[in-house]
């Protein structure tokens, strides 16, 4: 509960023979399910980008969002920031102010355009 993460991956543990993990005591399956459920519930209740509301970020716009209404840019932490789908933004570095946050995204208003970058067509 102390830490928030933008994504969570839970994998089944398998102790490979010959490793220190192979000698560890196995946790009962019902305990594993209980812990997995609790971790998933905690994760679902967290919004890792809420504290970034109002912040200013420099982003590089590289792709169209799945909603086809926004472009996707990433800041230096590779956080996803959605901006309006304005054709001139593609390939640009933009200065944005975060105006909305969700579980897996941030939306930003463009403050200024910083310049073009060459992005390979296969990107």
PDB file of N, CA and C in Angstrom:
ATOM      1  N   UNK A   1       0.817  -1.195   0.000  1.00  0.00           N
ATOM      2  CA  UNK A   1       0.000   0.000   0.000  1.00  0.00           C
ATOM      3  C   UNK A   1       0.862   1.261   0.000  1.00  0.00           C
ATOM      4  N   UNK A   2       2.078   1.130   0.497  1.00  0.00           N
ATOM      5  CA  UNK A   2       2.970   2.280   0.621  1.00  0.00           C
ATOM      6  C   UNK A   2       3.426   2.801  -0.748  1.00  0.00           C
ATOM      7  N   UNK A   3       3.587   1.913  -1.724  1.00  0.00           N
ATOM      8  CA  UNK A   3       4.108   2.280  -3.037  1.00  0.00           C
ATOM      9  C   UNK A   3       3.041   2.092  -4.104  1.00  0.00           C
ATOM     10  N   UNK A   4       3.074   2.944  -5.124  1.00  0.00           N
ATOM     11  CA  UNK A   4       2.181   2.777  -6.261  1.00  0.00           C
ATOM     12  C   UNK A   4       3.009   2.525  -7.513  1.00  0.00           C
ATOM     13  N   UNK A   5       2.484   1.700  -8.388  1.00  0.00           N
ATOM     14  CA  UNK A   5       3.165   1.353  -9.623  1.00  0.00           C
ATOM     15  C   UNK A   5       2.185   1.500 -10.782  1.00  0.00           C
ATOM     16  N   UNK A   6       2.674   1.919 -11.967  1.00  0.00           N
ATOM     17  CA  UNK A   6       1.775   2.075 -13.106  1.00  0.00           C
ATOM     18  C   UNK A   6       1.314   0.748 -13.697  1.00  0.00           C
ATOM     19  N   UNK A   7       2.033  -0.344 -13.412  1.00  0.00           N
ATOM     20  CA  UNK A   7       1.606  -1.661 -13.898  1.00  0.00           C
ATOM     21  C   UNK A   7       2.016  -2.720 -12.887  1.00  0.00           C
ATOM     22  N   UNK A   8       1.334  -3.853 -12.961  1.00  0.00           N
ATOM     23  CA  UNK A   8       1.587  -4.947 -12.027  1.00  0.00           C
ATOM     24  C   UNK A   8       1.551  -6.249 -12.801  1.00  0.00           C
ATOM     25  N   UNK A   9       2.546  -7.072 -12.603  1.00  0.00           N
ATOM     26  CA  UNK A   9       2.600  -8.390 -13.231  1.00  0.00           C
ATOM     27  C   UNK A   9       2.766  -9.420 -12.121  1.00  0.00           C
ATOM     28  N   UNK A  10       1.859 -10.378 -12.082  1.00  0.00           N
ATOM     29  CA  UNK A  10       1.924 -11.448 -11.094  1.00  0.00           C
ATOM     30  C   UNK A  10       2.134 -12.745 -11.851  1.00  0.00           C
ATOM     31  N   UNK A  11       3.219 -13.416 -11.559  1.00  0.00           N
ATOM     32  CA  UNK A  11       3.540 -14.669 -12.225  1.00  0.00           C
ATOM     33  C   UNK A  11       3.629 -15.792 -11.209  1.00  0.00           C
ATOM     34  N   UNK A  12       3.290 -16.984 -11.659  1.00  0.00           N
ATOM     35  CA  UNK A  12       3.389 -18.150 -10.797  1.00  0.00           C
ATOM     36  C   UNK A  12       4.865 -18.464 -10.566  1.00  0.00           C
ATOM     37  N   UNK A  13       5.196 -18.740  -9.326  1.00  0.00           N
ATOM     38  CA  UNK A  13       6.567 -19.075  -8.967  1.00  0.00           C
ATOM     39  C   UNK A  13       6.848 -20.528  -9.320  1.00  0.00           C
ATOM     40  N   UNK A  14       7.990 -20.761  -9.940  1.00  0.00           N
ATOM     41  CA  UNK A  14       8.422 -22.122 -10.236  1.00  0.00           C
ATOM     42  C   UNK A  14       9.887 -22.245  -9.852  1.00  0.00           C
ATOM     43  N   UNK A  15      10.185 -23.047  -8.824  1.00  0.00           N
ATOM     44  CA  UNK A  15      11.586 -23.200  -8.406  1.00  0.00           C
ATOM     45  C   UNK A  15      12.351 -24.108  -9.372  1.00  0.00           C
ATOM     46  N   UNK A  16      13.286 -23.546 -10.109  1.00  0.00           N
ATOM     47  CA  UNK A  16      14.085 -24.352 -11.039  1.00  0.00           C
ATOM     48  C   UNK A  16      15.024 -25.259 -10.262  1.00  0.00           C
ATOM     49  N   UNK A  17      15.094 -26.504 -10.661  1.00  0.00           N
ATOM     50  CA  UNK A  17      16.003 -27.444  -9.979  1.00  0.00           C
ATOM     51  C   UNK A  17      17.443 -26.937  -9.996  1.00  0.00           C
ATOM     52  N   UNK A  18      18.121 -27.142  -8.878  1.00  0.00           N
ATOM     53  CA  UNK A  18      19.526 -26.741  -8.783  1.00  0.00           C
ATOM     54  C   UNK A  18      19.736 -25.303  -8.362  1.00  0.00           C
ATOM     55  N   UNK A  19      18.661 -24.554  -8.130  1.00  0.00           N
ATOM     56  CA  UNK A  19      18.781 -23.163  -7.690  1.00  0.00           C
ATOM     57  C   UNK A  19      18.442 -23.071  -6.210  1.00  0.00           C
ATOM     58  N   UNK A  20      18.868 -21.998  -5.544  1.00  0.00           N
ATOM     59  CA  UNK A  20      18.505 -21.822  -4.124  1.00  0.00           C
ATOM     60  C   UNK A  20      16.987 -21.834  -3.914  1.00  0.00           C
ATOM     61  N   UNK A  21      16.245 -21.339  -4.888  1.00  0.00           N
ATOM     62  CA  UNK A  21      14.783 -21.310  -4.759  1.00  0.00           C
ATOM     63  C   UNK A  21      14.186 -22.714  -4.686  1.00  0.00           C
ATOM     64  N   UNK A  22      14.855 -23.680  -5.298  1.00  0.00           N
ATOM     65  CA  UNK A  22      14.355 -25.057  -5.276  1.00  0.00           C
ATOM     66  C   UNK A  22      14.345 -25.624  -3.855  1.00  0.00           C
ATOM     67  N   UNK A  23      15.160 -25.061  -2.983  1.00  0.00           N
ATOM     68  CA  UNK A  23      15.249 -25.541  -1.594  1.00  0.00           C
ATOM     69  C   UNK A  23      14.273 -24.829  -0.660  1.00  0.00           C
ATOM     70  N   UNK A  24      13.603 -23.806  -1.168  1.00  0.00           N
ATOM     71  CA  UNK A  24      12.687 -23.032  -0.330  1.00  0.00           C
ATOM     72  C   UNK A  24      11.397 -23.812  -0.086  1.00  0.00           C
ATOM     73  N   UNK A  25      10.784 -23.542   1.060  1.00  0.00           N
ATOM     74  CA  UNK A  25       9.523 -24.167   1.420  1.00  0.00           C
ATOM     75  C   UNK A  25       8.418 -23.619   0.506  1.00  0.00           C
ATOM     76  N   UNK A  26       7.614 -24.518  -0.037  1.00  0.00           N
ATOM     77  CA  UNK A  26       6.534 -24.106  -0.929  1.00  0.00           C
ATOM     78  C   UNK A  26       5.361 -23.572  -0.107  1.00  0.00           C
ATOM     79  N   UNK A  27       4.787 -22.461  -0.584  1.00  0.00           N
ATOM     80  CA  UNK A  27       3.626 -21.848   0.074  1.00  0.00           C
ATOM     81  C   UNK A  27       2.374 -22.549  -0.439  1.00  0.00           C
ATOM     82  N   UNK A  28       1.429 -22.887   0.439  1.00  0.00           N
ATOM     83  CA  UNK A  28       0.199 -23.554   0.007  1.00  0.00           C
ATOM     84  C   UNK A  28      -0.558 -22.732  -1.044  1.00  0.00           C
ATOM     85  N   UNK A  29      -1.195 -23.437  -1.982  1.00  0.00           N
ATOM     86  CA  UNK A  29      -1.884 -22.794  -3.101  1.00  0.00           C
ATOM     87  C   UNK A  29      -2.958 -21.809  -2.643  1.00  0.00           C
ATOM     88  N   UNK A  30      -3.695 -22.139  -1.583  1.00  0.00           N
ATOM     89  CA  UNK A  30      -4.743 -21.225  -1.128  1.00  0.00           C
ATOM     90  C   UNK A  30      -4.153 -19.914  -0.602  1.00  0.00           C
ATOM     91  N   UNK A  31      -2.972 -19.987   0.014  1.00  0.00           N
ATOM     92  CA  UNK A  31      -2.286 -18.790   0.514  1.00  0.00           C
ATOM     93  C   UNK A  31      -1.796 -17.946  -0.667  1.00  0.00           C
ATOM     94  N   UNK A  32      -1.288 -18.624  -1.698  1.00  0.00           N
ATOM     95  CA  UNK A  32      -0.829 -17.921  -2.901  1.00  0.00           C
ATOM     96  C   UNK A  32      -1.995 -17.173  -3.546  1.00  0.00           C
ATOM     97  N   UNK A  33      -3.144 -17.834  -3.681  1.00  0.00           N
ATOM     98  CA  UNK A  33      -4.325 -17.199  -4.276  1.00  0.00           C
ATOM     99  C   UNK A  33      -4.777 -16.010  -3.440  1.00  0.00           C
ATOM    100  N   UNK A  34      -4.746 -16.166  -2.137  1.00  0.00           N
ATOM    101  CA  UNK A  34      -5.150 -15.082  -1.232  1.00  0.00           C
ATOM    102  C   UNK A  34      -4.233 -13.866  -1.397  1.00  0.00           C
ATOM    103  N   UNK A  35      -2.940 -14.108  -1.440  1.00  0.00           N
ATOM    104  CA  UNK A  35      -1.973 -13.017  -1.596  1.00  0.00           C
ATOM    105  C   UNK A  35      -2.108 -12.342  -2.964  1.00  0.00           C
ATOM    106  N   UNK A  36      -2.312 -13.147  -4.002  1.00  0.00           N
ATOM    107  CA  UNK A  36      -2.484 -12.609  -5.346  1.00  0.00           C
ATOM    108  C   UNK A  36      -3.726 -11.727  -5.419  1.00  0.00           C
ATOM    109  N   UNK A  37      -4.813 -12.193  -4.827  1.00  0.00           N
ATOM    110  CA  UNK A  37      -6.058 -11.426  -4.821  1.00  0.00           C
ATOM    111  C   UNK A  37      -5.874 -10.103  -4.084  1.00  0.00           C
ATOM    112  N   UNK A  38      -5.216 -10.147  -2.937  1.00  0.00           N
ATOM    113  CA  UNK A  38      -4.998  -8.935  -2.145  1.00  0.00           C
ATOM    114  C   UNK A  38      -4.116  -7.935  -2.901  1.00  0.00           C
ATOM    115  N   UNK A  39      -3.031  -8.429  -3.507  1.00  0.00           N
ATOM    116  CA  UNK A  39      -2.140  -7.547  -4.275  1.00  0.00           C
ATOM    117  C   UNK A  39      -2.890  -6.916  -5.453  1.00  0.00           C
ATOM    118  N   UNK A  40      -3.728  -7.704  -6.115  1.00  0.00           N
ATOM    119  CA  UNK A  40      -4.501  -7.196  -7.248  1.00  0.00           C
ATOM    120  C   UNK A  40      -5.513  -6.144  -6.803  1.00  0.00           C
ATOM    121  N   UNK A  41      -6.156  -6.358  -5.653  1.00  0.00           N
ATOM    122  CA  UNK A  41      -7.122  -5.387  -5.126  1.00  0.00           C
ATOM    123  C   UNK A  41      -6.431  -4.065  -4.762  1.00  0.00           C
ATOM    124  N   UNK A  42      -5.274  -4.164  -4.129  1.00  0.00           N
ATOM    125  CA  UNK A  42      -4.525  -2.952  -3.770  1.00  0.00           C
ATOM    126  C   UNK A  42      -4.145  -2.196  -5.034  1.00  0.00           C
ATOM    127  N   UNK A  43      -3.622  -2.921  -6.024  1.00  0.00           N
ATOM    128  CA  UNK A  43      -3.219  -2.291  -7.272  1.00  0.00           C
ATOM    129  C   UNK A  43      -4.406  -1.609  -7.950  1.00  0.00           C
ATOM    130  N   UNK A  44      -5.551  -2.279  -7.984  1.00  0.00           N
ATOM    131  CA  UNK A  44      -6.743  -1.725  -8.636  1.00  0.00           C
ATOM    132  C   UNK A  44      -7.222  -0.435  -7.968  1.00  0.00           C
ATOM    133  N   UNK A  45      -6.936  -0.289  -6.689  1.00  0.00           N
ATOM    134  CA  UNK A  45      -7.395   0.891  -5.957  1.00  0.00           C
ATOM    135  C   UNK A  45      -6.456   2.090  -6.088  1.00  0.00           C
ATOM    136  N   UNK A  46      -5.303   1.880  -6.689  1.00  0.00           N
ATOM    137  CA  UNK A  46      -4.306   2.949  -6.778  1.00  0.00           C
ATOM    138  C   UNK A  46      -4.349   3.654  -8.133  1.00  0.00           C
ATOM    139  N   UNK A  47      -4.048   4.942  -8.105  1.00  0.00           N
ATOM    140  CA  UNK A  47      -3.958   5.750  -9.317  1.00  0.00           C
ATOM    141  C   UNK A  47      -2.583   6.418  -9.304  1.00  0.00           C
ATOM    142  N   UNK A  48      -1.600   5.796  -9.970  1.00  0.00           N
ATOM    143  CA  UNK A  48      -0.205   6.210  -9.848  1.00  0.00           C
ATOM    144  C   UNK A  48       0.159   7.576 -10.415  1.00  0.00           C
ATOM    145  N   UNK A  49      -0.729   8.184 -11.194  1.00  0.00           N
ATOM    146  CA  UNK A  49      -0.385   9.466 -11.809  1.00  0.00           C
ATOM    147  C   UNK A  49      -1.085  10.658 -11.177  1.00  0.00           C
ATOM    148  N   UNK A  50      -1.926  10.433 -10.179  1.00  0.00           N
ATOM    149  CA  UNK A  50      -2.715  11.510  -9.572  1.00  0.00           C
ATOM    150  C   UNK A  50      -1.858  12.682  -9.104  1.00  0.00           C
ATOM    151  N   UNK A  51      -0.705  12.383  -8.555  1.00  0.00           N
ATOM    152  CA  UNK A  51       0.159  13.444  -8.020  1.00  0.00           C
ATOM    153  C   UNK A  51       0.789  14.310  -9.118  1.00  0.00           C
ATOM    154  N   UNK A  52       0.662  13.894 -10.368  1.00  0.00           N
ATOM    155  CA  UNK A  52       1.266  14.659 -11.472  1.00  0.00           C
ATOM    156  C   UNK A  52       0.311  15.687 -12.071  1.00  0.00           C
ATOM    157  N   UNK A  53      -0.922  15.708 -11.581  1.00  0.00           N
ATOM    158  CA  UNK A  53      -1.904  16.661 -12.075  1.00  0.00           C
ATOM    159  C   UNK A  53      -1.378  18.092 -11.894  1.00  0.00           C
ATOM    160  N   UNK A  54      -1.382  18.861 -12.960  1.00  0.00           N
ATOM    161  CA  UNK A  54      -0.886  20.241 -12.919  1.00  0.00           C
ATOM    162  C   UNK A  54       0.592  20.383 -13.250  1.00  0.00           C
ATOM    163  N   UNK A  55       1.334  19.268 -13.247  1.00  0.00           N
ATOM    164  CA  UNK A  55       2.769  19.344 -13.569  1.00  0.00           C
ATOM    165  C   UNK A  55       2.976  19.647 -15.057  1.00  0.00           C
ATOM    166  N   UNK A  56       4.168  20.164 -15.361  1.00  0.00           N
ATOM    167  CA  UNK A  56       4.560  20.411 -16.744  1.00  0.00           C
ATOM    168  C   UNK A  56       5.613  19.380 -17.133  1.00  0.00           C
ATOM    169  N   UNK A  57       5.463  18.828 -18.343  1.00  0.00           N
ATOM    170  CA  UNK A  57       6.383  17.809 -18.831  1.00  0.00           C
ATOM    171  C   UNK A  57       6.740  18.082 -20.283  1.00  0.00           C
ATOM    172  N   UNK A  58       7.922  17.655 -20.653  1.00  0.00           N
ATOM    173  CA  UNK A  58       8.354  17.649 -22.039  1.00  0.00           C
ATOM    174  C   UNK A  58       8.092  16.241 -22.557  1.00  0.00           C
ATOM    175  N   UNK A  59       7.370  16.126 -23.676  1.00  0.00           N
ATOM    176  CA  UNK A  59       7.066  14.810 -24.236  1.00  0.00           C
ATOM    177  C   UNK A  59       7.441  14.758 -25.711  1.00  0.00           C
ATOM    178  N   UNK A  60       7.709  13.549 -26.186  1.00  0.00           N
ATOM    179  CA  UNK A  60       7.945  13.303 -27.608  1.00  0.00           C
ATOM    180  C   UNK A  60       6.743  12.529 -28.134  1.00  0.00           C
ATOM    181  N   UNK A  61       6.051  13.086 -29.109  1.00  0.00           N
ATOM    182  CA  UNK A  61       4.855  12.458 -29.673  1.00  0.00           C
ATOM    183  C   UNK A  61       5.279  11.464 -30.747  1.00  0.00           C
ATOM    184  N   UNK A  62       4.844  10.200 -30.590  1.00  0.00           N
ATOM    185  CA  UNK A  62       5.329   9.142 -31.474  1.00  0.00           C
ATOM    186  C   UNK A  62       4.261   8.276 -32.122  1.00  0.00           C
ATOM    187  N   UNK A  63       3.015   8.356 -31.647  1.00  0.00           N
ATOM    188  CA  UNK A  63       2.028   7.434 -32.204  1.00  0.00           C
ATOM    189  C   UNK A  63       0.603   7.933 -31.962  1.00  0.00           C
ATOM    190  N   UNK A  64      -0.332   7.287 -32.632  1.00  0.00           N
ATOM    191  CA  UNK A  64      -1.745   7.583 -32.455  1.00  0.00           C
ATOM    192  C   UNK A  64      -2.286   6.688 -31.349  1.00  0.00           C
ATOM    193  N   UNK A  65      -3.098   7.264 -30.468  1.00  0.00           N
ATOM    194  CA  UNK A  65      -3.700   6.489 -29.378  1.00  0.00           C
ATOM    195  C   UNK A  65      -4.731   5.514 -29.938  1.00  0.00           C
ATOM    196  N   UNK A  66      -5.033   4.480 -29.177  1.00  0.00           N
ATOM    197  CA  UNK A  66      -5.997   3.473 -29.628  1.00  0.00           C
ATOM    198  C   UNK A  66      -7.396   4.047 -29.828  1.00  0.00           C
ATOM    199  N   UNK A  67      -7.711   5.156 -29.158  1.00  0.00           N
ATOM    200  CA  UNK A  67      -9.030   5.781 -29.346  1.00  0.00           C
ATOM    201  C   UNK A  67      -9.114   6.566 -30.655  1.00  0.00           C
ATOM    202  N   UNK A  68      -7.962   6.728 -31.336  1.00  0.00           N
ATOM    203  CA  UNK A  68      -7.842   7.454 -32.595  1.00  0.00           C
ATOM    204  C   UNK A  68      -8.263   8.921 -32.489  1.00  0.00           C
ATOM    205  N   UNK A  69      -8.377   9.421 -31.252  1.00  0.00           N
ATOM    206  CA  UNK A  69      -8.730  10.823 -31.015  1.00  0.00           C
ATOM    207  C   UNK A  69      -7.546  11.625 -30.482  1.00  0.00           C
ATOM    208  N   UNK A  70      -6.533  10.935 -30.013  1.00  0.00           N
ATOM    209  CA  UNK A  70      -5.376  11.566 -29.393  1.00  0.00           C
ATOM    210  C   UNK A  70      -4.092  11.027 -29.996  1.00  0.00           C
ATOM    211  N   UNK A  71      -3.025  11.785 -29.793  1.00  0.00           N
ATOM    212  CA  UNK A  71      -1.685  11.278 -30.040  1.00  0.00           C
ATOM    213  C   UNK A  71      -1.095  10.887 -28.696  1.00  0.00           C
ATOM    214  N   UNK A  72      -0.122   9.993 -28.742  1.00  0.00           N
ATOM    215  CA  UNK A  72       0.571   9.537 -27.544  1.00  0.00           C
ATOM    216  C   UNK A  72       1.984  10.095 -27.549  1.00  0.00           C
ATOM    217  N   UNK A  73       2.353  10.686 -26.430  1.00  0.00           N
ATOM    218  CA  UNK A  73       3.718  11.135 -26.235  1.00  0.00           C
ATOM    219  C   UNK A  73       4.231  10.518 -24.949  1.00  0.00           C
ATOM    220  N   UNK A  74       5.543  10.467 -24.812  1.00  0.00           N
ATOM    221  CA  UNK A  74       6.148   9.936 -23.591  1.00  0.00           C
ATOM    222  C   UNK A  74       7.130  10.948 -23.024  1.00  0.00           C
ATOM    223  N   UNK A  75       7.141  11.046 -21.711  1.00  0.00           N
ATOM    224  CA  UNK A  75       8.101  11.924 -21.052  1.00  0.00           C
ATOM    225  C   UNK A  75       9.393  11.152 -20.780  1.00  0.00           C
ATOM    226  N   UNK A  76      10.325  11.746 -20.053  1.00  0.00           N
ATOM    227  CA  UNK A  76      11.623  11.099 -19.833  1.00  0.00           C
ATOM    228  C   UNK A  76      11.513   9.840 -18.980  1.00  0.00           C
ATOM    229  N   UNK A  77      10.392   9.648 -18.305  1.00  0.00           N
ATOM    230  CA  UNK A  77      10.175   8.426 -17.520  1.00  0.00           C
ATOM    231  C   UNK A  77       9.395   7.385 -18.314  1.00  0.00           C
ATOM    232  N   UNK A  78       9.098   7.691 -19.557  1.00  0.00           N
ATOM    233  CA  UNK A  78       8.298   6.879 -20.473  1.00  0.00           C
ATOM    234  C   UNK A  78       6.845   6.755 -20.022  1.00  0.00           C
ATOM    235  N   UNK A  79       6.396   7.722 -19.221  1.00  0.00           N
ATOM    236  CA  UNK A  79       4.981   7.791 -18.874  1.00  0.00           C
ATOM    237  C   UNK A  79       4.210   8.200 -20.122  1.00  0.00           C
ATOM    238  N   UNK A  80       3.056   7.607 -20.333  1.00  0.00           N
ATOM    239  CA  UNK A  80       2.230   7.922 -21.493  1.00  0.00           C
ATOM    240  C   UNK A  80       1.408   9.178 -21.228  1.00  0.00           C
ATOM    241  N   UNK A  81       1.478  10.123 -22.158  1.00  0.00           N
ATOM    242  CA  UNK A  81       0.700  11.357 -22.062  1.00  0.00           C
ATOM    243  C   UNK A  81      -0.079  11.517 -23.366  1.00  0.00           C
ATOM    244  N   UNK A  82      -1.394  11.666 -23.234  1.00  0.00           N
ATOM    245  CA  UNK A  82      -2.250  11.869 -24.401  1.00  0.00           C
ATOM    246  C   UNK A  82      -2.419  13.355 -24.663  1.00  0.00           C
ATOM    247  N   UNK A  83      -2.324  13.724 -25.941  1.00  0.00           N
ATOM    248  CA  UNK A  83      -2.534  15.112 -26.365  1.00  0.00           C
ATOM    249  C   UNK A  83      -3.521  15.097 -27.522  1.00  0.00           C
ATOM    250  N   UNK A  84      -4.156  16.234 -27.810  1.00  0.00           N
ATOM    251  CA  UNK A  84      -5.097  16.276 -28.937  1.00  0.00           C
ATOM    252  C   UNK A  84      -4.415  15.832 -30.235  1.00  0.00           C
ATOM    253  N   UNK A  85      -5.179  15.193 -31.091  1.00  0.00           N
ATOM    254  CA  UNK A  85      -4.645  14.690 -32.359  1.00  0.00           C
ATOM    255  C   UNK A  85      -4.591  15.822 -33.379  1.00  0.00           C
ATOM    256  N   UNK A  86      -3.532  16.599 -33.272  1.00  0.00           N
ATOM    257  CA  UNK A  86      -3.252  17.686 -34.206  1.00  0.00           C
ATOM    258  C   UNK A  86      -2.084  17.217 -35.059  1.00  0.00           C
ATOM    259  N   UNK A  87      -2.286  17.151 -36.363  1.00  0.00           N
ATOM    260  CA  UNK A  87      -1.302  16.545 -37.262  1.00  0.00           C
ATOM    261  C   UNK A  87       0.121  17.073 -37.068  1.00  0.00           C
ATOM    262  N   UNK A  88       0.261  18.360 -36.810  1.00  0.00           N
ATOM    263  CA  UNK A  88       1.604  18.942 -36.664  1.00  0.00           C
ATOM    264  C   UNK A  88       2.332  18.477 -35.407  1.00  0.00           C
ATOM    265  N   UNK A  89       1.625  17.848 -34.465  1.00  0.00           N
ATOM    266  CA  UNK A  89       2.259  17.381 -33.221  1.00  0.00           C
ATOM    267  C   UNK A  89       3.087  16.111 -33.415  1.00  0.00           C
ATOM    268  N   UNK A  90       2.741  15.289 -34.423  1.00  0.00           N
ATOM    269  CA  UNK A  90       3.450  14.028 -34.617  1.00  0.00           C
ATOM    270  C   UNK A  90       4.935  14.284 -34.865  1.00  0.00           C
ATOM    271  N   UNK A  91       5.780  13.601 -34.078  1.00  0.00           N
ATOM    272  CA  UNK A  91       7.224  13.750 -34.212  1.00  0.00           C
ATOM    273  C   UNK A  91       7.784  14.955 -33.487  1.00  0.00           C
ATOM    274  N   UNK A  92       6.939  15.689 -32.819  1.00  0.00           N
ATOM    275  CA  UNK A  92       7.359  16.908 -32.127  1.00  0.00           C
ATOM    276  C   UNK A  92       7.636  16.662 -30.645  1.00  0.00           C
ATOM    277  N   UNK A  93       8.521  17.472 -30.114  1.00  0.00           N
ATOM    278  CA  UNK A  93       8.677  17.560 -28.668  1.00  0.00           C
ATOM    279  C   UNK A  93       7.750  18.678 -28.230  1.00  0.00           C
ATOM    280  N   UNK A  94       6.864  18.362 -27.296  1.00  0.00           N
ATOM    281  CA  UNK A  94       5.896  19.338 -26.812  1.00  0.00           C
ATOM    282  C   UNK A  94       6.072  19.568 -25.319  1.00  0.00           C
ATOM    283  N   UNK A  95       5.809  20.775 -24.897  1.00  0.00           N
ATOM    284  CA  UNK A  95       5.714  21.075 -23.471  1.00  0.00           C
ATOM    285  C   UNK A  95       4.231  21.007 -23.142  1.00  0.00           C
ATOM    286  N   UNK A  96       3.873  20.171 -22.163  1.00  0.00           N
ATOM    287  CA  UNK A  96       2.468  20.005 -21.810  1.00  0.00           C
ATOM    288  C   UNK A  96       2.261  20.196 -20.317  1.00  0.00           C
ATOM    289  N   UNK A  97       1.047  20.560 -19.976  1.00  0.00           N
ATOM    290  CA  UNK A  97       0.642  20.614 -18.574  1.00  0.00           C
ATOM    291  C   UNK A  97      -0.404  19.523 -18.393  1.00  0.00           C
ATOM    292  N   UNK A  98      -0.211  18.681 -17.383  1.00  0.00           N
ATOM    293  CA  UNK A  98      -1.111  17.557 -17.137  1.00  0.00           C
ATOM    294  C   UNK A  98      -2.436  18.082 -16.588  1.00  0.00           C
ATOM    295  N   UNK A  99      -3.520  17.757 -17.299  1.00  0.00           N
ATOM    296  CA  UNK A  99      -4.848  18.259 -16.932  1.00  0.00           C
ATOM    297  C   UNK A  99      -5.794  17.158 -16.467  1.00  0.00           C
ATOM    298  N   UNK A 100      -5.423  15.906 -16.739  1.00  0.00           N
ATOM    299  CA  UNK A 100      -6.272  14.780 -16.343  1.00  0.00           C
ATOM    300  C   UNK A 100      -5.390  13.552 -16.165  1.00  0.00           C
ATOM    301  N   UNK A 101      -5.722  12.753 -15.165  1.00  0.00           N
ATOM    302  CA  UNK A 101      -4.985  11.505 -14.962  1.00  0.00           C
ATOM    303  C   UNK A 101      -5.973  10.369 -14.795  1.00  0.00           C
ATOM    304  N   UNK A 102      -5.539   9.187 -15.179  1.00  0.00           N
ATOM    305  CA  UNK A 102      -6.344   7.980 -15.029  1.00  0.00           C
ATOM    306  C   UNK A 102      -5.454   6.856 -14.542  1.00  0.00           C
ATOM    307  N   UNK A 103      -5.977   5.683 -14.517  1.00  0.00           N
ATOM    308  CA  UNK A 103      -5.228   4.524 -14.032  1.00  0.00           C
ATOM    309  C   UNK A 103      -3.955   4.291 -14.851  1.00  0.00           C
ATOM    310  N   UNK A 104      -4.062   4.415 -16.170  1.00  0.00           N
ATOM    311  CA  UNK A 104      -2.930   4.067 -17.036  1.00  0.00           C
ATOM    312  C   UNK A 104      -2.483   5.195 -17.960  1.00  0.00           C
ATOM    313  N   UNK A 105      -2.918   6.434 -17.689  1.00  0.00           N
ATOM    314  CA  UNK A 105      -2.574   7.508 -18.617  1.00  0.00           C
ATOM    315  C   UNK A 105      -2.599   8.867 -17.922  1.00  0.00           C
ATOM    316  N   UNK A 106      -2.080   9.827 -18.667  1.00  0.00           N
ATOM    317  CA  UNK A 106      -2.223  11.238 -18.313  1.00  0.00           C
ATOM    318  C   UNK A 106      -2.631  11.955 -19.592  1.00  0.00           C
ATOM    319  N   UNK A 107      -3.414  13.017 -19.472  1.00  0.00           N
ATOM    320  CA  UNK A 107      -3.733  13.878 -20.612  1.00  0.00           C
ATOM    321  C   UNK A 107      -3.118  15.233 -20.338  1.00  0.00           C
ATOM    322  N   UNK A 108      -2.616  15.846 -21.417  1.00  0.00           N
ATOM    323  CA  UNK A 108      -1.975  17.137 -21.254  1.00  0.00           C
ATOM    324  C   UNK A 108      -2.447  18.160 -22.253  1.00  0.00           C
ATOM    325  N   UNK A 109      -2.468  19.416 -21.813  1.00  0.00           N
ATOM    326  CA  UNK A 109      -2.699  20.540 -22.707  1.00  0.00           C
ATOM    327  C   UNK A 109      -1.345  21.026 -23.193  1.00  0.00           C
ATOM    328  N   UNK A 110      -1.246  21.287 -24.470  1.00  0.00           N
ATOM    329  CA  UNK A 110       0.018  21.734 -25.048  1.00  0.00           C
ATOM    330  C   UNK A 110       0.268  23.189 -24.670  1.00  0.00           C
ATOM    331  N   UNK A 111       1.448  23.422 -24.086  1.00  0.00           N
ATOM    332  CA  UNK A 111       1.866  24.771 -23.706  1.00  0.00           C
ATOM    333  C   UNK A 111       2.693  25.379 -24.834  1.00  0.00           C
ATOM    334  N   UNK A 112       3.609  24.543 -25.376  1.00  0.00           N
ATOM    335  CA  UNK A 112       4.428  25.013 -26.497  1.00  0.00           C
ATOM    336  C   UNK A 112       4.981  23.821 -27.258  1.00  0.00           C
ATOM    337  N   UNK A 113       5.329  24.091 -28.516  1.00  0.00           N
ATOM    338  CA  UNK A 113       5.959  23.078 -29.359  1.00  0.00           C
ATOM    339  C   UNK A 113       7.452  23.320 -29.324  1.00  0.00           C
ATOM    340  N   UNK A 114       8.211  22.227 -29.156  1.00  0.00           N
ATOM    341  CA  UNK A 114       9.647  22.370 -28.996  1.00  0.00           C
ATOM    342  C   UNK A 114      10.484  22.015 -30.196  1.00  0.00           C
ATOM    343  N   UNK A 115       9.909  21.412 -31.210  1.00  0.00           N
ATOM    344  CA  UNK A 115      10.698  21.091 -32.391  1.00  0.00           C
ATOM    345  C   UNK A 115      10.474  19.671 -32.859  1.00  0.00           C
ATOM    346  N   UNK A 116      10.886  19.433 -34.100  1.00  0.00           N
ATOM    347  CA  UNK A 116      10.682  18.132 -34.733  1.00  0.00           C
ATOM    348  C   UNK A 116      11.842  17.190 -34.453  1.00  0.00           C
ATOM    349  N   UNK A 117      11.538  15.911 -34.487  1.00  0.00           N
ATOM    350  CA  UNK A 117      12.527  14.852 -34.369  1.00  0.00           C
ATOM    351  C   UNK A 117      12.293  13.901 -35.525  1.00  0.00           C
ATOM    352  N   UNK A 118      13.330  13.234 -35.965  1.00  0.00           N
ATOM    353  CA  UNK A 118      13.178  12.260 -37.015  1.00  0.00           C
ATOM    354  C   UNK A 118      12.772  10.938 -36.387  1.00  0.00           C
ATOM    355  N   UNK A 119      11.617  10.429 -36.794  1.00  0.00           N
ATOM    356  CA  UNK A 119      11.115   9.158 -36.294  1.00  0.00           C
ATOM    357  C   UNK A 119      11.034   8.217 -37.476  1.00  0.00           C
ATOM    358  N   UNK A 120      11.687   7.045 -37.385  1.00  0.00           N
ATOM    359  CA  UNK A 120      11.643   6.114 -38.501  1.00  0.00           C
ATOM    360  C   UNK A 120      10.194   5.719 -38.817  1.00  0.00           C
ATOM    361  N   UNK A 121       9.893   5.524 -40.113  1.00  0.00           N
ATOM    362  CA  UNK A 121       8.533   5.194 -40.506  1.00  0.00           C
ATOM    363  C   UNK A 121       8.087   3.841 -39.958  1.00  0.00           C
ATOM    364  N   UNK A 122       9.035   2.992 -39.588  1.00  0.00           N
ATOM    365  CA  UNK A 122       8.685   1.671 -39.055  1.00  0.00           C
ATOM    366  C   UNK A 122       8.417   1.725 -37.553  1.00  0.00           C
ATOM    367  N   UNK A 123       8.523   2.877 -36.916  1.00  0.00           N
ATOM    368  CA  UNK A 123       8.352   3.007 -35.472  1.00  0.00           C
ATOM    369  C   UNK A 123       6.957   2.718 -35.034  1.00  0.00           C
TER     370      UNK A 123
END
